[in-house]
Amino acid sequence: MEQWAIEWLNEQRDQGVKCLEVKMQGKNHYVYHSTTYWDKELKKPRKTSKYLGKLDPDKGLIKSWERQSQNIRNITEYGNSMLLHKMMKSLKPLLRMGFPDYWAEICAIAMLRVTGNVPLKRIKDAWEKLYNAEDIKSHQITSKHEESLQSIAQCGSKQGWSKYHLQ
């Protein structure tokens, strides 16, 4: 183990931090919280270690949960989304005309239901994963889908639209 790692470990022990262990793999130093417990079946002490993070000569201890949170990316489904937007292109003017208040929500729900059997309570989360070519805001896809769907049904019945075709 390199001298700077030994000095870091001694500093931690001077500060009262106990049970730290530094292991070296290749050129990297890793910090573990190591302790023992009594194994009743084997009748001897057993070692347990919990990974705490990587030890850096400049930054010190880089905790494992801090390193992971920096690399999280938002992944959107581009291909499926663009295909569905193109397929819905001819229907969108009809939806805008027939349902001026709800066309975006109808479009989003239809597109998501085509991609998979998404429950209505998860529609908003699923929509945020799709690439949004039309810039439909996720707040337009409300959490109260039952009310919206009832309003859509009432709006459609007032205009004389049947369940199976547009007139």
Protein backbone atom coordinates (compact mmCIF):
# COMPACT_ATOMS: atom_id res chain seq x y z
CA MET A 1 0.00 0.00 0.00
CA GLU A 2 1.27 3.47 -0.85
CA GLN A 3 2.38 5.93 1.82
CA TRP A 4 -0.42 8.48 1.20
CA ALA A 5 -3.05 5.76 1.76
CA ILE A 6 -1.41 4.72 5.04
CA GLU A 7 -1.34 8.36 6.15
CA TRP A 8 -5.03 8.80 5.26
CA LEU A 9 -5.94 5.69 7.25
CA ASN A 10 -3.92 6.90 10.26
CA GLU A 11 -5.64 10.31 10.10
CA GLN A 12 -9.03 8.60 10.15
CA ARG A 13 -8.02 6.50 13.15
CA ASP A 14 -6.76 9.63 14.95
CA GLN A 15 -10.19 11.21 14.38
CA GLY A 16 -11.81 8.21 16.07
CA VAL A 17 -13.12 6.40 13.00
CA LYS A 18 -12.84 2.68 13.64
CA CYS A 19 -13.05 -0.52 11.60
CA LEU A 20 -11.66 0.93 8.36
CA GLU A 21 -9.68 -1.27 6.03
CA VAL A 22 -7.90 -0.18 2.85
CA LYS A 23 -7.42 -2.79 0.14
CA MET A 24 -5.34 -2.26 -2.96
CA GLN A 25 -6.36 -3.75 -6.29
CA GLY A 26 -4.02 -2.90 -9.12
CA LYS A 27 -3.19 0.78 -8.64
CA ASN A 28 -6.48 1.64 -6.92
CA HIS A 29 -7.20 1.80 -3.20
CA TYR A 30 -10.63 0.81 -1.88
CA VAL A 31 -12.00 1.51 1.59
CA TYR A 32 -14.12 -0.99 3.51
CA HIS A 33 -15.81 -1.00 6.90
CA SER A 34 -14.69 -4.33 8.34
CA THR A 35 -15.86 -5.96 11.52
CA THR A 36 -16.40 -9.43 12.94
CA TYR A 37 -19.32 -11.30 14.42
CA TRP A 38 -19.56 -14.60 16.26
CA ASP A 39 -20.83 -17.46 14.10
CA LYS A 40 -22.75 -19.77 16.43
CA GLU A 41 -22.72 -22.72 14.04
CA LEU A 42 -18.99 -22.67 13.30
CA LYS A 43 -18.17 -21.42 16.80
CA LYS A 44 -15.64 -18.91 15.58
CA PRO A 45 -15.52 -15.24 14.58
CA ARG A 46 -16.41 -14.32 10.97
CA LYS A 47 -15.35 -11.19 9.13
CA THR A 48 -17.87 -8.94 7.37
CA SER A 49 -16.90 -6.05 5.11
CA LYS A 50 -18.97 -3.29 3.59
CA TYR A 51 -17.62 -1.33 0.64
CA LEU A 52 -17.46 2.41 1.40
CA GLY A 53 -15.74 3.82 -1.66
CA LYS A 54 -12.57 4.51 -3.57
CA LEU A 55 -9.61 6.30 -2.04
CA ASP A 56 -8.09 9.05 -4.17
CA PRO A 57 -4.76 10.75 -3.33
CA ASP A 58 -6.20 14.23 -4.06
CA LYS A 59 -9.89 13.96 -3.10
CA GLY A 60 -9.64 11.45 -0.28
CA LEU A 61 -12.54 9.02 0.10
CA ILE A 62 -15.00 9.11 -2.80
CA LYS A 63 -18.06 7.41 -1.35
CA SER A 64 -19.70 4.77 -3.51
CA TRP A 65 -23.15 6.41 -3.58
CA GLU A 66 -21.66 9.78 -4.57
CA ARG A 67 -19.81 8.30 -7.55
CA GLN A 68 -22.91 6.54 -8.87
CA SER A 69 -25.17 9.58 -8.70
CA GLN A 70 -22.87 11.58 -10.98
CA ASN A 71 -23.23 9.11 -13.85
CA ILE A 72 -27.03 8.85 -13.97
CA ARG A 73 -28.40 9.82 -17.35
CA ASN A 74 -31.90 10.26 -18.61
CA ILE A 75 -32.48 7.74 -21.38
CA THR A 76 -35.32 8.35 -23.79
CA GLU A 77 -36.70 6.03 -26.41
CA TYR A 78 -36.13 7.88 -29.66
CA GLY A 79 -36.93 5.32 -32.37
CA ASN A 80 -40.29 4.19 -31.00
CA SER A 81 -41.31 7.75 -30.30
CA MET A 82 -40.50 9.10 -33.75
CA LEU A 83 -42.29 6.20 -35.44
CA LEU A 84 -45.40 6.77 -33.34
CA HIS A 85 -45.33 10.54 -33.90
CA LYS A 86 -45.19 9.99 -37.67
CA MET A 87 -48.02 7.47 -37.52
CA MET A 88 -50.16 9.86 -35.46
CA LYS A 89 -49.46 12.82 -37.76
CA SER A 90 -52.66 12.40 -39.78
CA LEU A 91 -54.78 11.81 -36.66
CA LYS A 92 -53.56 14.81 -34.68
CA PRO A 93 -55.53 17.44 -36.66
CA LEU A 94 -58.70 15.40 -36.15
CA LEU A 95 -57.98 15.07 -32.44
CA ARG A 96 -57.29 18.81 -32.15
CA MET A 97 -60.56 19.60 -33.89
CA GLY A 98 -62.66 17.10 -31.96
CA PHE A 99 -61.03 17.41 -28.54
CA PRO A 100 -59.34 20.82 -28.32
CA ASP A 101 -58.75 20.53 -24.56
CA TYR A 102 -57.64 16.90 -24.45
CA TRP A 103 -56.01 16.10 -27.79
CA ALA A 104 -52.48 15.99 -26.34
CA GLU A 105 -53.49 13.63 -23.56
CA ILE A 106 -55.38 11.33 -25.96
CA CYS A 107 -52.39 11.26 -28.29
CA ALA A 108 -49.94 10.50 -25.47
CA ILE A 109 -52.10 7.76 -23.96
CA ALA A 110 -52.64 6.13 -27.36
CA MET A 111 -48.93 6.19 -28.16
CA LEU A 112 -48.00 4.73 -24.80
CA ARG A 113 -50.61 2.00 -24.97
CA VAL A 114 -49.22 0.97 -28.37
CA THR A 115 -45.69 0.62 -26.96
CA GLY A 116 -46.85 -1.67 -24.17
CA ASN A 117 -49.58 -2.37 -21.69
CA VAL A 118 -48.90 0.65 -19.48
CA PRO A 119 -51.36 1.09 -16.60
CA LEU A 120 -52.99 4.51 -16.51
CA LYS A 121 -51.39 5.33 -13.17
CA ARG A 122 -47.94 5.01 -14.79
CA ILE A 123 -48.70 6.91 -17.99
CA LYS A 124 -46.93 10.10 -16.89
CA ASP A 125 -43.70 8.26 -15.96
CA ALA A 126 -43.75 6.27 -19.19
CA TRP A 127 -44.32 9.45 -21.21
CA GLU A 128 -41.24 11.07 -19.71
CA LYS A 129 -39.11 8.18 -21.04
CA LEU A 130 -40.26 8.67 -24.64
CA TYR A 131 -38.59 11.26 -26.85
CA ASN A 132 -41.01 14.18 -27.02
CA ALA A 133 -41.01 15.32 -30.66
CA GLU A 134 -44.22 17.36 -30.34
CA ASP A 135 -43.19 19.03 -27.06
CA ILE A 136 -46.26 17.77 -25.23
CA LYS A 137 -45.68 18.69 -21.59
CA SER A 138 -45.91 15.94 -19.01
CA HIS A 139 -48.16 18.16 -16.86
CA GLN A 140 -50.75 17.89 -19.65
CA ILE A 141 -50.86 14.20 -18.88
CA THR A 142 -52.59 14.56 -15.54
CA SER A 143 -52.64 12.09 -12.72
CA LYS A 144 -56.45 12.20 -12.72
CA HIS A 145 -56.95 10.17 -15.89
CA GLU A 146 -60.41 8.97 -14.89
CA GLU A 147 -61.78 12.53 -14.86
CA SER A 148 -60.06 13.36 -18.14
CA LEU A 149 -61.31 10.22 -19.83
CA GLN A 150 -64.86 10.88 -18.63
CA SER A 151 -64.65 14.44 -19.99
CA ILE A 152 -63.35 13.12 -23.30
CA ALA A 153 -66.20 10.62 -23.51
CA GLN A 154 -68.78 13.33 -22.74
CA CYS A 155 -67.21 15.67 -25.30
CA GLY A 156 -67.28 12.95 -27.96
CA SER A 157 -70.88 11.98 -27.24
CA LYS A 158 -72.00 15.63 -27.45
CA GLN A 159 -70.49 15.87 -30.92
CA GLY A 160 -72.24 12.69 -32.04
CA TRP A 161 -69.10 10.60 -32.47
CA SER A 162 -69.71 6.92 -32.23
CA LYS A 163 -67.49 4.52 -30.39
CA TYR A 164 -66.12 2.93 -33.56
CA HIS A 165 -65.77 5.67 -36.18
CA LEU A 166 -65.55 9.41 -36.70
CA GLN A 167 -68.38 11.10 -38.61
